[in-house]
Amino acid sequence: MSVAAPWDAERAREIIAAHLGLEGPALPILHALQHEFGHVPEAAVPQLAEALNISRAEMHGVVTFYHDFKREPQGRHVLKICRAESCQSMGAEKMARDFLARLKLDWGETTPDGALTVEAIYCLGLCSHSPSAMYDKEPIGRVDGVRLDELAEEAKSA
């Protein structure tokens, strides 16, 4: 994964200005901010609200409505574990619960060393290979607790 840039208000203004001419620019701007900074910093919300001539509350509502926009920086690696029905039927819920307990994390949290963020995802389309996960955008079928632990170790060393 790429390393995100530290927050820079001037850079945020440049990103916003570069996308203002688009039709419906809010989402493209949010994606660009997240790409640059690794998340949508709280400080960006008032800048974006002013540029779009909407209230901060409205902009906050847009950011929080979409689950893909992160409010805090993520780990250097992201592991998404499927929680959809097929994976549930193959034991994914217990597997994930046990894995999170081993890491002392809850869904959406990042390890203290910043190596790994663990998120829920609802269907990767790998139902015939349940349970499934995605590690840094690479799908993994027939995942088990051992494989999850290996991925956590890999995240630490990478």
N, C-alpha and C. Protein backbone atom coordinates (compact mmCIF):
# COMPACT_ATOMS: atom_id res chain seq x y z
N MET A 1 0.84 -1.18 0.00
CA MET A 1 0.00 0.00 0.00
C MET A 1 0.88 1.24 0.00
N SER A 2 0.35 2.30 -0.53
CA SER A 2 1.12 3.53 -0.57
C SER A 2 0.99 4.27 0.76
N VAL A 3 1.99 5.07 1.05
CA VAL A 3 2.00 5.85 2.28
C VAL A 3 1.28 7.16 2.00
N ALA A 4 0.35 7.49 2.87
CA ALA A 4 -0.43 8.71 2.69
C ALA A 4 0.38 9.93 3.10
N ALA A 5 0.08 11.03 2.48
CA ALA A 5 0.73 12.30 2.81
C ALA A 5 0.14 12.84 4.11
N PRO A 6 0.94 13.57 4.87
CA PRO A 6 0.39 14.21 6.07
C PRO A 6 -0.58 15.33 5.66
N TRP A 7 -1.50 15.65 6.56
CA TRP A 7 -2.48 16.70 6.29
C TRP A 7 -1.79 18.00 5.91
N ASP A 8 -2.29 18.62 4.86
CA ASP A 8 -1.77 19.89 4.38
C ASP A 8 -2.95 20.67 3.82
N ALA A 9 -3.35 21.73 4.52
CA ALA A 9 -4.53 22.50 4.13
C ALA A 9 -4.39 23.09 2.73
N GLU A 10 -3.20 23.53 2.38
CA GLU A 10 -2.99 24.11 1.05
C GLU A 10 -3.16 23.03 -0.02
N ARG A 11 -2.61 21.86 0.23
CA ARG A 11 -2.76 20.76 -0.74
C ARG A 11 -4.24 20.39 -0.88
N ALA A 12 -4.97 20.38 0.22
CA ALA A 12 -6.40 20.09 0.18
C ALA A 12 -7.12 21.12 -0.69
N ARG A 13 -6.77 22.39 -0.54
CA ARG A 13 -7.38 23.45 -1.37
C ARG A 13 -7.11 23.19 -2.85
N GLU A 14 -5.88 22.77 -3.17
CA GLU A 14 -5.53 22.46 -4.56
C GLU A 14 -6.38 21.31 -5.10
N ILE A 15 -6.54 20.27 -4.30
CA ILE A 15 -7.35 19.11 -4.70
C ILE A 15 -8.80 19.53 -4.94
N ILE A 16 -9.33 20.31 -4.01
CA ILE A 16 -10.72 20.77 -4.14
C ILE A 16 -10.87 21.61 -5.41
N ALA A 17 -9.97 22.55 -5.61
CA ALA A 17 -10.05 23.43 -6.78
C ALA A 17 -9.95 22.64 -8.09
N ALA A 18 -9.13 21.60 -8.10
CA ALA A 18 -8.94 20.80 -9.31
C ALA A 18 -10.19 20.03 -9.71
N HIS A 19 -11.09 19.80 -8.76
CA HIS A 19 -12.29 18.99 -9.04
C HIS A 19 -13.58 19.79 -9.05
N LEU A 20 -13.53 21.07 -8.71
CA LEU A 20 -14.76 21.86 -8.60
C LEU A 20 -15.53 21.98 -9.91
N GLY A 21 -14.86 21.89 -11.04
CA GLY A 21 -15.53 22.03 -12.33
C GLY A 21 -16.31 20.79 -12.75
N LEU A 22 -16.16 19.70 -12.03
CA LEU A 22 -16.89 18.48 -12.37
C LEU A 22 -18.35 18.61 -12.00
N GLU A 23 -19.19 17.88 -12.69
CA GLU A 23 -20.60 17.82 -12.31
C GLU A 23 -20.69 16.94 -11.07
N GLY A 24 -21.32 17.44 -10.02
CA GLY A 24 -21.40 16.69 -8.77
C GLY A 24 -20.03 16.41 -8.20
N PRO A 25 -19.27 17.45 -7.84
CA PRO A 25 -17.88 17.27 -7.48
C PRO A 25 -17.61 16.70 -6.09
N ALA A 26 -18.60 16.63 -5.22
CA ALA A 26 -18.34 16.24 -3.83
C ALA A 26 -17.65 14.88 -3.72
N LEU A 27 -18.21 13.86 -4.33
CA LEU A 27 -17.62 12.52 -4.20
C LEU A 27 -16.24 12.42 -4.85
N PRO A 28 -16.05 12.95 -6.06
CA PRO A 28 -14.69 12.92 -6.61
C PRO A 28 -13.67 13.64 -5.72
N ILE A 29 -14.07 14.75 -5.13
CA ILE A 29 -13.16 15.47 -4.24
C ILE A 29 -12.85 14.62 -3.01
N LEU A 30 -13.88 14.03 -2.42
CA LEU A 30 -13.64 13.18 -1.24
C LEU A 30 -12.72 12.01 -1.57
N HIS A 31 -12.93 11.39 -2.73
CA HIS A 31 -12.04 10.29 -3.14
C HIS A 31 -10.61 10.80 -3.30
N ALA A 32 -10.44 11.95 -3.91
CA ALA A 32 -9.10 12.50 -4.12
C ALA A 32 -8.43 12.86 -2.79
N LEU A 33 -9.19 13.44 -1.88
CA LEU A 33 -8.64 13.75 -0.56
C LEU A 33 -8.20 12.49 0.17
N GLN A 34 -9.05 11.47 0.11
CA GLN A 34 -8.71 10.22 0.79
C GLN A 34 -7.49 9.57 0.13
N HIS A 35 -7.42 9.65 -1.18
CA HIS A 35 -6.26 9.08 -1.88
C HIS A 35 -4.97 9.80 -1.44
N GLU A 36 -5.04 11.11 -1.31
CA GLU A 36 -3.87 11.90 -0.93
C GLU A 36 -3.46 11.71 0.53
N PHE A 37 -4.45 11.75 1.43
CA PHE A 37 -4.16 11.75 2.86
C PHE A 37 -4.43 10.43 3.56
N GLY A 38 -4.96 9.45 2.84
CA GLY A 38 -5.24 8.14 3.45
C GLY A 38 -6.56 8.10 4.20
N HIS A 39 -7.21 9.22 4.32
CA HIS A 39 -8.51 9.34 4.97
C HIS A 39 -9.04 10.74 4.65
N VAL A 40 -10.25 11.03 5.08
CA VAL A 40 -10.79 12.38 4.89
C VAL A 40 -10.64 13.10 6.23
N PRO A 41 -9.61 13.92 6.35
CA PRO A 41 -9.38 14.60 7.63
C PRO A 41 -10.54 15.52 8.00
N GLU A 42 -10.82 15.61 9.28
CA GLU A 42 -11.89 16.47 9.77
C GLU A 42 -11.69 17.91 9.31
N ALA A 43 -10.44 18.34 9.23
CA ALA A 43 -10.14 19.71 8.82
C ALA A 43 -10.54 19.98 7.37
N ALA A 44 -10.72 18.94 6.57
CA ALA A 44 -11.11 19.11 5.18
C ALA A 44 -12.60 19.42 5.04
N VAL A 45 -13.39 19.01 6.01
CA VAL A 45 -14.85 19.17 5.91
C VAL A 45 -15.26 20.63 5.77
N PRO A 46 -14.78 21.55 6.62
CA PRO A 46 -15.18 22.95 6.43
C PRO A 46 -14.68 23.55 5.11
N GLN A 47 -13.49 23.16 4.69
CA GLN A 47 -12.97 23.65 3.40
C GLN A 47 -13.88 23.22 2.26
N LEU A 48 -14.24 21.96 2.28
CA LEU A 48 -15.07 21.40 1.21
C LEU A 48 -16.48 22.00 1.26
N ALA A 49 -17.02 22.14 2.46
CA ALA A 49 -18.36 22.74 2.59
C ALA A 49 -18.38 24.15 2.02
N GLU A 50 -17.37 24.93 2.34
CA GLU A 50 -17.30 26.30 1.83
C GLU A 50 -17.19 26.31 0.30
N ALA A 51 -16.33 25.45 -0.24
CA ALA A 51 -16.13 25.40 -1.69
C ALA A 51 -17.39 24.99 -2.42
N LEU A 52 -18.19 24.11 -1.81
CA LEU A 52 -19.41 23.62 -2.45
C LEU A 52 -20.65 24.44 -2.07
N ASN A 53 -20.44 25.44 -1.19
CA ASN A 53 -21.52 26.30 -0.73
C ASN A 53 -22.65 25.50 -0.07
N ILE A 54 -22.24 24.60 0.81
CA ILE A 54 -23.20 23.84 1.62
C ILE A 54 -22.74 23.95 3.08
N SER A 55 -23.61 23.55 4.00
CA SER A 55 -23.25 23.64 5.42
C SER A 55 -22.24 22.54 5.78
N ARG A 56 -21.53 22.79 6.86
CA ARG A 56 -20.60 21.77 7.37
C ARG A 56 -21.36 20.50 7.73
N ALA A 57 -22.55 20.67 8.27
CA ALA A 57 -23.36 19.51 8.66
C ALA A 57 -23.71 18.66 7.44
N GLU A 58 -24.07 19.33 6.34
CA GLU A 58 -24.38 18.59 5.12
C GLU A 58 -23.14 17.83 4.61
N MET A 59 -21.99 18.49 4.64
CA MET A 59 -20.77 17.85 4.17
C MET A 59 -20.40 16.69 5.08
N HIS A 60 -20.53 16.89 6.38
CA HIS A 60 -20.27 15.83 7.35
C HIS A 60 -21.18 14.64 7.07
N GLY A 61 -22.44 14.92 6.75
CA GLY A 61 -23.39 13.86 6.43
C GLY A 61 -22.97 13.05 5.22
N VAL A 62 -22.44 13.71 4.20
CA VAL A 62 -21.97 13.00 3.01
C VAL A 62 -20.79 12.10 3.37
N VAL A 63 -19.83 12.65 4.12
CA VAL A 63 -18.63 11.87 4.48
C VAL A 63 -19.00 10.65 5.30
N THR A 64 -19.89 10.82 6.26
CA THR A 64 -20.22 9.70 7.15
C THR A 64 -21.21 8.72 6.53
N PHE A 65 -21.94 9.14 5.52
CA PHE A 65 -22.91 8.24 4.87
C PHE A 65 -22.21 7.11 4.13
N TYR A 66 -21.12 7.43 3.46
CA TYR A 66 -20.41 6.45 2.64
C TYR A 66 -19.33 5.76 3.47
N HIS A 67 -19.46 4.45 3.63
CA HIS A 67 -18.54 3.69 4.48
C HIS A 67 -17.11 3.64 3.95
N ASP A 68 -16.92 3.87 2.68
CA ASP A 68 -15.56 3.81 2.14
C ASP A 68 -14.73 5.04 2.50
N PHE A 69 -15.37 6.12 2.93
CA PHE A 69 -14.60 7.28 3.34
C PHE A 69 -14.20 7.09 4.79
N LYS A 70 -12.91 7.08 5.04
CA LYS A 70 -12.38 6.84 6.38
C LYS A 70 -12.13 8.16 7.09
N ARG A 71 -12.48 8.21 8.35
CA ARG A 71 -12.31 9.43 9.15
C ARG A 71 -10.96 9.46 9.85
N GLU A 72 -10.32 8.32 9.96
CA GLU A 72 -9.01 8.19 10.60
C GLU A 72 -8.09 7.47 9.63
N PRO A 73 -6.79 7.70 9.76
CA PRO A 73 -5.86 6.97 8.89
C PRO A 73 -5.99 5.46 9.11
N GLN A 74 -5.87 4.70 8.04
CA GLN A 74 -5.89 3.26 8.14
C GLN A 74 -4.48 2.74 8.32
N GLY A 75 -4.39 1.45 8.60
CA GLY A 75 -3.08 0.83 8.72
C GLY A 75 -2.39 0.76 7.36
N ARG A 76 -1.14 0.39 7.39
CA ARG A 76 -0.38 0.25 6.14
C ARG A 76 -1.00 -0.83 5.25
N HIS A 77 -1.69 -1.78 5.87
CA HIS A 77 -2.37 -2.85 5.15
C HIS A 77 -3.80 -2.93 5.66
N VAL A 78 -4.71 -3.36 4.78
CA VAL A 78 -6.12 -3.47 5.15
C VAL A 78 -6.59 -4.88 4.84
N LEU A 79 -7.18 -5.50 5.85
CA LEU A 79 -7.76 -6.83 5.72
C LEU A 79 -9.26 -6.70 5.89
N LYS A 80 -10.01 -7.10 4.87
CA LYS A 80 -11.47 -7.07 4.93
C LYS A 80 -11.95 -8.50 4.98
N ILE A 81 -12.75 -8.81 5.99
CA ILE A 81 -13.28 -10.16 6.17
C ILE A 81 -14.77 -10.14 5.83
N CYS A 82 -15.17 -11.06 4.97
CA CYS A 82 -16.56 -11.09 4.52
C CYS A 82 -17.48 -11.55 5.64
N ARG A 83 -18.60 -10.82 5.76
CA ARG A 83 -19.61 -11.14 6.76
C ARG A 83 -20.96 -11.45 6.12
N ALA A 84 -20.98 -11.70 4.83
CA ALA A 84 -22.23 -12.00 4.13
C ALA A 84 -22.67 -13.43 4.45
N GLU A 85 -23.87 -13.77 4.01
CA GLU A 85 -24.52 -15.01 4.39
C GLU A 85 -23.72 -16.27 4.07
N SER A 86 -23.18 -16.36 2.87
CA SER A 86 -22.43 -17.55 2.50
C SER A 86 -21.24 -17.75 3.42
N CYS A 87 -20.51 -16.69 3.68
CA CYS A 87 -19.34 -16.79 4.56
C CYS A 87 -19.77 -17.07 6.00
N GLN A 88 -20.88 -16.46 6.42
CA GLN A 88 -21.40 -16.75 7.75
C GLN A 88 -21.70 -18.24 7.90
N SER A 89 -22.31 -18.81 6.87
CA SER A 89 -22.68 -20.23 6.93
C SER A 89 -21.46 -21.15 7.00
N MET A 90 -20.31 -20.62 6.62
CA MET A 90 -19.07 -21.41 6.65
C MET A 90 -18.18 -21.03 7.83
N GLY A 91 -18.75 -20.34 8.82
CA GLY A 91 -18.03 -20.08 10.07
C GLY A 91 -17.23 -18.79 10.13
N ALA A 92 -17.48 -17.88 9.21
CA ALA A 92 -16.70 -16.64 9.17
C ALA A 92 -16.88 -15.78 10.42
N GLU A 93 -18.08 -15.76 10.98
CA GLU A 93 -18.31 -14.89 12.14
C GLU A 93 -17.44 -15.30 13.33
N LYS A 94 -17.42 -16.59 13.65
CA LYS A 94 -16.59 -17.06 14.77
C LYS A 94 -15.12 -16.88 14.44
N MET A 95 -14.74 -17.22 13.22
CA MET A 95 -13.35 -17.07 12.80
C MET A 95 -12.91 -15.62 12.98
N ALA A 96 -13.72 -14.67 12.52
CA ALA A 96 -13.39 -13.25 12.61
C ALA A 96 -13.37 -12.79 14.06
N ARG A 97 -14.36 -13.21 14.84
CA ARG A 97 -14.42 -12.83 16.26
C ARG A 97 -13.16 -13.29 16.99
N ASP A 98 -12.75 -14.54 16.74
CA ASP A 98 -11.55 -15.09 17.38
C ASP A 98 -10.30 -14.34 16.93
N PHE A 99 -10.22 -14.03 15.64
CA PHE A 99 -9.08 -13.30 15.08
C PHE A 99 -8.99 -11.91 15.70
N LEU A 100 -10.10 -11.20 15.74
CA LEU A 100 -10.12 -9.87 16.33
C LEU A 100 -9.72 -9.92 17.80
N ALA A 101 -10.17 -10.95 18.52
CA ALA A 101 -9.80 -11.10 19.93
C ALA A 101 -8.30 -11.32 20.07
N ARG A 102 -7.72 -12.12 19.18
CA ARG A 102 -6.27 -12.34 19.24
C ARG A 102 -5.50 -11.04 19.02
N LEU A 103 -6.02 -10.19 18.14
CA LEU A 103 -5.38 -8.90 17.87
C LEU A 103 -5.77 -7.81 18.87
N LYS A 104 -6.76 -8.12 19.71
CA LYS A 104 -7.32 -7.14 20.67
C LYS A 104 -7.87 -5.92 19.93
N LEU A 105 -8.62 -6.21 18.85
CA LEU A 105 -9.23 -5.17 18.02
C LEU A 105 -10.73 -5.40 17.90
N ASP A 106 -11.41 -4.37 17.45
CA ASP A 106 -12.80 -4.47 17.04
C ASP A 106 -12.83 -4.14 15.55
N TRP A 107 -13.98 -4.38 14.91
CA TRP A 107 -14.11 -4.06 13.49
C TRP A 107 -13.73 -2.60 13.24
N GLY A 108 -12.96 -2.37 12.18
CA GLY A 108 -12.60 -1.03 11.78
C GLY A 108 -11.39 -0.46 12.50
N GLU A 109 -10.84 -1.20 13.44
CA GLU A 109 -9.70 -0.69 14.20
C GLU A 109 -8.38 -1.13 13.57
N THR A 110 -7.34 -0.45 14.00
CA THR A 110 -5.99 -0.67 13.48
C THR A 110 -5.08 -1.13 14.62
N THR A 111 -4.19 -2.03 14.30
CA THR A 111 -3.23 -2.50 15.30
C THR A 111 -2.40 -1.33 15.82
N PRO A 112 -1.97 -1.39 17.08
CA PRO A 112 -1.22 -0.27 17.67
C PRO A 112 0.03 0.13 16.88
N ASP A 113 0.63 -0.82 16.17
CA ASP A 113 1.83 -0.50 15.38
C ASP A 113 1.48 0.12 14.02
N GLY A 114 0.18 0.26 13.73
CA GLY A 114 -0.25 0.87 12.47
C GLY A 114 -0.11 -0.04 11.27
N ALA A 115 0.15 -1.32 11.50
CA ALA A 115 0.40 -2.24 10.39
C ALA A 115 -0.88 -2.70 9.70
N LEU A 116 -1.96 -2.95 10.46
CA LEU A 116 -3.13 -3.60 9.88
C LEU A 116 -4.42 -3.02 10.40
N THR A 117 -5.32 -2.71 9.48
CA THR A 117 -6.69 -2.34 9.81
C THR A 117 -7.57 -3.51 9.38
N VAL A 118 -8.50 -3.91 10.25
CA VAL A 118 -9.40 -5.02 9.95
C VAL A 118 -10.82 -4.46 9.81
N GLU A 119 -11.41 -4.71 8.66
CA GLU A 119 -12.75 -4.21 8.36
C GLU A 119 -13.68 -5.34 7.96
N ALA A 120 -14.95 -5.09 8.13
CA ALA A 120 -15.98 -6.00 7.62
C ALA A 120 -16.29 -5.60 6.18
N ILE A 121 -16.62 -6.60 5.39
CA ILE A 121 -17.10 -6.34 4.03
C ILE A 121 -18.28 -7.28 3.82
N TYR A 122 -19.22 -6.87 3.02
CA TYR A 122 -20.43 -7.67 2.83
C TYR A 122 -20.51 -8.15 1.39
N CYS A 123 -19.85 -9.24 1.15
CA CYS A 123 -19.82 -10.02 -0.07
C CYS A 123 -18.71 -9.58 -1.02
N LEU A 124 -17.83 -10.51 -1.24
CA LEU A 124 -16.74 -10.33 -2.19
C LEU A 124 -17.02 -11.08 -3.49
N GLY A 125 -18.15 -11.77 -3.54
CA GLY A 125 -18.49 -12.54 -4.74
C GLY A 125 -17.71 -13.84 -4.84
N LEU A 126 -17.17 -14.29 -3.72
CA LEU A 126 -16.42 -15.56 -3.69
C LEU A 126 -17.19 -16.62 -2.92
N CYS A 127 -18.49 -16.63 -3.09
CA CYS A 127 -19.35 -17.48 -2.29
C CYS A 127 -18.99 -18.97 -2.40
N SER A 128 -18.53 -19.40 -3.55
CA SER A 128 -18.16 -20.81 -3.70
C SER A 128 -16.82 -21.11 -3.02
N HIS A 129 -16.17 -20.06 -2.52
CA HIS A 129 -14.89 -20.23 -1.83
C HIS A 129 -14.95 -19.65 -0.42
N SER A 130 -16.14 -19.72 0.19
CA SER A 130 -16.35 -19.16 1.52
C SER A 130 -15.61 -19.98 2.57
N PRO A 131 -15.20 -19.33 3.66
CA PRO A 131 -15.23 -17.90 3.91
C PRO A 131 -14.13 -17.19 3.12
N SER A 132 -14.36 -15.92 2.86
CA SER A 132 -13.40 -15.17 2.05
C SER A 132 -12.99 -13.87 2.74
N ALA A 133 -11.90 -13.32 2.22
CA ALA A 133 -11.36 -12.07 2.75
C ALA A 133 -10.69 -11.33 1.60
N MET A 134 -10.27 -10.13 1.89
CA MET A 134 -9.51 -9.35 0.91
C MET A 134 -8.37 -8.67 1.68
N TYR A 135 -7.15 -8.88 1.21
CA TYR A 135 -5.97 -8.29 1.83
C TYR A 135 -5.34 -7.35 0.82
N ASP A 136 -5.33 -6.08 1.15
CA ASP A 136 -4.79 -5.07 0.24
C ASP A 136 -5.32 -5.23 -1.18
N LYS A 137 -6.64 -5.36 -1.28
CA LYS A 137 -7.37 -5.45 -2.55
C LYS A 137 -7.18 -6.77 -3.29
N GLU A 138 -6.54 -7.76 -2.65
CA GLU A 138 -6.39 -9.08 -3.26
C GLU A 138 -7.36 -10.04 -2.59
N PRO A 139 -8.30 -10.61 -3.34
CA PRO A 139 -9.26 -11.54 -2.74
C PRO A 139 -8.59 -12.86 -2.34
N ILE A 140 -9.09 -13.43 -1.25
CA ILE A 140 -8.58 -14.71 -0.74
C ILE A 140 -9.78 -15.59 -0.41
N GLY A 141 -9.86 -16.74 -1.04
CA GLY A 141 -10.94 -17.67 -0.76
C GLY A 141 -10.52 -18.74 0.23
N ARG A 142 -11.52 -19.36 0.86
CA ARG A 142 -11.31 -20.44 1.81
C ARG A 142 -10.33 -20.05 2.91
N VAL A 143 -10.49 -18.84 3.40
CA VAL A 143 -9.61 -18.34 4.45
C VAL A 143 -9.98 -18.99 5.78
N ASP A 144 -9.00 -19.19 6.63
CA ASP A 144 -9.25 -19.72 7.97
C ASP A 144 -8.43 -18.91 8.97
N GLY A 145 -8.55 -19.26 10.25
CA GLY A 145 -7.85 -18.52 11.29
C GLY A 145 -6.34 -18.52 11.12
N VAL A 146 -5.79 -19.63 10.67
CA VAL A 146 -4.35 -19.72 10.45
C VAL A 146 -3.92 -18.73 9.37
N ARG A 147 -4.68 -18.67 8.28
CA ARG A 147 -4.34 -17.76 7.18
C ARG A 147 -4.48 -16.31 7.63
N LEU A 148 -5.50 -16.01 8.44
CA LEU A 148 -5.66 -14.65 8.96
C LEU A 148 -4.46 -14.26 9.82
N ASP A 149 -4.00 -15.19 10.66
CA ASP A 149 -2.83 -14.92 11.50
C ASP A 149 -1.59 -14.69 10.63
N GLU A 150 -1.45 -15.47 9.56
CA GLU A 150 -0.32 -15.28 8.64
C GLU A 150 -0.37 -13.90 8.01
N LEU A 151 -1.56 -13.46 7.63
CA LEU A 151 -1.70 -12.13 7.02
C LEU A 151 -1.35 -11.04 8.02
N ALA A 152 -1.75 -11.22 9.28
CA ALA A 152 -1.41 -10.24 10.31
C ALA A 152 0.10 -10.16 10.50
N GLU A 153 0.76 -11.30 10.47
CA GLU A 153 2.23 -11.33 10.59
C GLU A 153 2.88 -10.68 9.37
N GLU A 154 2.35 -10.98 8.20
CA GLU A 154 2.86 -10.38 6.97
C GLU A 154 2.75 -8.85 7.02
N ALA A 155 1.62 -8.37 7.54
CA ALA A 155 1.40 -6.93 7.64
C ALA A 155 2.45 -6.30 8.56
N LYS A 156 2.79 -6.97 9.63
CA LYS A 156 3.79 -6.44 10.58
C LYS A 156 5.16 -6.31 9.92
N SER A 157 5.51 -7.31 9.13
CA SER A 157 6.86 -7.35 8.57
C SER A 157 7.02 -6.54 7.29
N ALA A 158 5.90 -6.13 6.72
CA ALA A 158 5.97 -5.39 5.44
C ALA A 158 6.04 -3.90 5.64
